[in-house]
Amino acid sequence: MASSDEIDIERVASLARLALSAEEKAEYTKQIGDILHHIEQLKQVDVSAVEPTAHAFPLFNVWREDVPSPSLSVAAALQNAPAQRNHMISVPKVVE
């Protein structure tokens, strides 16, 4: 585990394409060190009895009933189309 003394902040800044001042380098080195220290504390928690999950709460698909219902009229569907032809939206040709 890297301590804040072992963090190569210049490399991290280079990878992130950041130009950091000396003050920023010192501040970010300390902050990254604090984060790594917190992660070390989390590693000490016994989670052996906790079942792995992908989400904090169970997810269920919530589907509405598939019942036919009235849809938009052609006029309503085309009202914001920039161009239309024969009751269809007209778009520029993109393939030869």
C-alpha atoms as a PDB file:
ATOM      1  CA  MET A   1       0.000   0.000   0.000  1.00  0.00           C
ATOM      2  CA  ALA A   2       1.418   3.366  -0.988  1.00  0.00           C
ATOM      3  CA  SER A   3       1.703   6.060   1.614  1.00  0.00           C
ATOM      4  CA  SER A   4       1.428   9.740   0.792  1.00  0.00           C
ATOM      5  CA  ASP A   5       5.259   9.841   0.757  1.00  0.00           C
ATOM      6  CA  GLU A   6       5.368   7.170  -1.964  1.00  0.00           C
ATOM      7  CA  ILE A   7       2.812   8.806  -4.283  1.00  0.00           C
ATOM      8  CA  ASP A   8       4.369  10.107  -7.489  1.00  0.00           C
ATOM      9  CA  ILE A   9       2.066  13.105  -7.835  1.00  0.00           C
ATOM     10  CA  GLU A  10       3.996  14.319 -10.884  1.00  0.00           C
ATOM     11  CA  ARG A  11       3.173  11.073 -12.705  1.00  0.00           C
ATOM     12  CA  VAL A  12      -0.465  11.208 -11.614  1.00  0.00           C
ATOM     13  CA  ALA A  13      -0.709  14.821 -12.810  1.00  0.00           C
ATOM     14  CA  SER A  14       0.964  13.893 -16.098  1.00  0.00           C
ATOM     15  CA  LEU A  15      -1.466  11.015 -16.681  1.00  0.00           C
ATOM     16  CA  ALA A  16      -4.375  13.362 -15.965  1.00  0.00           C
ATOM     17  CA  ARG A  17      -2.775  16.042 -18.150  1.00  0.00           C
ATOM     18  CA  LEU A  18      -2.781  18.539 -15.294  1.00  0.00           C
ATOM     19  CA  ALA A  19      -0.284  21.305 -14.707  1.00  0.00           C
ATOM     20  CA  LEU A  20      -0.043  21.621 -10.928  1.00  0.00           C
ATOM     21  CA  SER A  21       1.667  24.262  -8.851  1.00  0.00           C
ATOM     22  CA  ALA A  22       3.907  23.216  -5.950  1.00  0.00           C
ATOM     23  CA  GLU A  23       1.105  24.066  -3.496  1.00  0.00           C
ATOM     24  CA  GLU A  24      -1.395  21.980  -5.438  1.00  0.00           C
ATOM     25  CA  LYS A  25       1.035  19.049  -5.593  1.00  0.00           C
ATOM     26  CA  ALA A  26       1.469  19.151  -1.827  1.00  0.00           C
ATOM     27  CA  GLU A  27      -2.283  19.448  -1.230  1.00  0.00           C
ATOM     28  CA  TYR A  28      -3.214  16.639  -3.626  1.00  0.00           C
ATOM     29  CA  THR A  29      -0.471  14.371  -2.294  1.00  0.00           C
ATOM     30  CA  LYS A  30      -1.961  14.760   1.190  1.00  0.00           C
ATOM     31  CA  GLN A  31      -5.513  14.213  -0.073  1.00  0.00           C
ATOM     32  CA  ILE A  32      -4.561  11.058  -1.992  1.00  0.00           C
ATOM     33  CA  GLY A  33      -2.693   9.819   1.086  1.00  0.00           C
ATOM     34  CA  ASP A  34      -5.819  10.402   3.190  1.00  0.00           C
ATOM     35  CA  ILE A  35      -7.924   8.457   0.679  1.00  0.00           C
ATOM     36  CA  LEU A  36      -5.457   5.552   0.681  1.00  0.00           C
ATOM     37  CA  HIS A  37      -5.446   5.573   4.498  1.00  0.00           C
ATOM     38  CA  HIS A  38      -9.250   5.392   4.512  1.00  0.00           C
ATOM     39  CA  ILE A  39      -9.155   2.470   2.069  1.00  0.00           C
ATOM     40  CA  GLU A  40      -6.760   0.678   4.404  1.00  0.00           C
ATOM     41  CA  GLN A  41      -9.261   1.144   7.238  1.00  0.00           C
ATOM     42  CA  LEU A  42     -12.055  -0.266   5.046  1.00  0.00           C
ATOM     43  CA  LYS A  43      -9.938  -3.340   4.277  1.00  0.00           C
ATOM     44  CA  GLN A  44      -9.959  -4.195   7.999  1.00  0.00           C
ATOM     45  CA  VAL A  45     -13.763  -4.528   8.139  1.00  0.00           C
ATOM     46  CA  ASP A  46     -14.972  -8.136   8.282  1.00  0.00           C
ATOM     47  CA  VAL A  47     -17.367  -8.619   5.385  1.00  0.00           C
ATOM     48  CA  SER A  48     -17.180 -12.411   5.261  1.00  0.00           C
ATOM     49  CA  ALA A  49     -20.875 -12.724   6.180  1.00  0.00           C
ATOM     50  CA  VAL A  50     -22.012 -10.166   3.631  1.00  0.00           C
ATOM     51  CA  GLU A  51     -23.329 -11.580   0.386  1.00  0.00           C
ATOM     52  CA  PRO A  52     -21.848  -9.894  -2.708  1.00  0.00           C
ATOM     53  CA  THR A  53     -24.336  -7.685  -4.496  1.00  0.00           C
ATOM     54  CA  ALA A  54     -24.362  -5.515  -7.577  1.00  0.00           C
ATOM     55  CA  HIS A  55     -26.879  -3.071  -6.095  1.00  0.00           C
ATOM     56  CA  ALA A  56     -27.720  -1.865  -2.613  1.00  0.00           C
ATOM     57  CA  PHE A  57     -31.369  -2.816  -3.107  1.00  0.00           C
ATOM     58  CA  PRO A  58     -32.844  -5.671  -5.110  1.00  0.00           C
ATOM     59  CA  LEU A  59     -33.875  -4.627  -8.586  1.00  0.00           C
ATOM     60  CA  PHE A  60     -37.012  -5.847 -10.257  1.00  0.00           C
ATOM     61  CA  ASN A  61     -38.169  -5.075 -13.755  1.00  0.00           C
ATOM     62  CA  VAL A  62     -41.215  -2.913 -13.447  1.00  0.00           C
ATOM     63  CA  TRP A  63     -43.156  -3.182 -16.654  1.00  0.00           C
ATOM     64  CA  ARG A  64     -46.527  -1.767 -17.405  1.00  0.00           C
ATOM     65  CA  GLU A  65     -49.082  -4.058 -18.898  1.00  0.00           C
ATOM     66  CA  ASP A  66     -48.692  -4.391 -22.650  1.00  0.00           C
ATOM     67  CA  VAL A  67     -52.098  -3.006 -23.516  1.00  0.00           C
ATOM     68  CA  PRO A  68     -52.771  -1.293 -26.840  1.00  0.00           C
ATOM     69  CA  SER A  69     -53.525   2.393 -26.419  1.00  0.00           C
ATOM     70  CA  PRO A  70     -53.971   5.319 -28.744  1.00  0.00           C
ATOM     71  CA  SER A  71     -50.712   6.759 -30.054  1.00  0.00           C
ATOM     72  CA  LEU A  72     -49.798  10.090 -31.620  1.00  0.00           C
ATOM     73  CA  SER A  73     -51.596  11.158 -34.731  1.00  0.00           C
ATOM     74  CA  VAL A  74     -49.468  11.606 -37.848  1.00  0.00           C
ATOM     75  CA  ALA A  75     -49.886  15.383 -37.581  1.00  0.00           C
ATOM     76  CA  ALA A  76     -48.777  15.419 -33.935  1.00  0.00           C
ATOM     77  CA  ALA A  77     -45.785  13.182 -34.649  1.00  0.00           C
ATOM     78  CA  LEU A  78     -44.651  15.382 -37.553  1.00  0.00           C
ATOM     79  CA  GLN A  79     -45.344  18.789 -36.020  1.00  0.00           C
ATOM     80  CA  ASN A  80     -41.702  19.380 -34.974  1.00  0.00           C
ATOM     81  CA  ALA A  81     -40.033  17.617 -37.898  1.00  0.00           C
ATOM     82  CA  PRO A  82     -37.744  20.014 -39.786  1.00  0.00           C
ATOM     83  CA  ALA A  83     -38.834  18.473 -43.100  1.00  0.00           C
ATOM     84  CA  GLN A  84     -41.518  15.986 -44.082  1.00  0.00           C
ATOM     85  CA  ARG A  85     -42.738  14.203 -47.197  1.00  0.00           C
ATOM     86  CA  ASN A  86     -45.649  11.793 -47.685  1.00  0.00           C
ATOM     87  CA  HIS A  87     -46.465  11.755 -43.946  1.00  0.00           C
ATOM     88  CA  MET A  88     -42.847  10.830 -43.053  1.00  0.00           C
ATOM     89  CA  ILE A  89     -39.883  12.721 -41.636  1.00  0.00           C
ATOM     90  CA  SER A  90     -37.506  13.616 -44.443  1.00  0.00           C
ATOM     91  CA  VAL A  91     -33.778  13.473 -43.737  1.00  0.00           C
ATOM     92  CA  PRO A  92     -30.748  14.211 -45.920  1.00  0.00           C
ATOM     93  CA  LYS A  93     -29.240  11.300 -47.843  1.00  0.00           C
ATOM     94  CA  VAL A  94     -26.111  10.060 -46.056  1.00  0.00           C
ATOM     95  CA  VAL A  95     -25.223   6.947 -48.073  1.00  0.00           C
ATOM     96  CA  GLU A  96     -24.483   6.898 -51.797  1.00  0.00           C
END
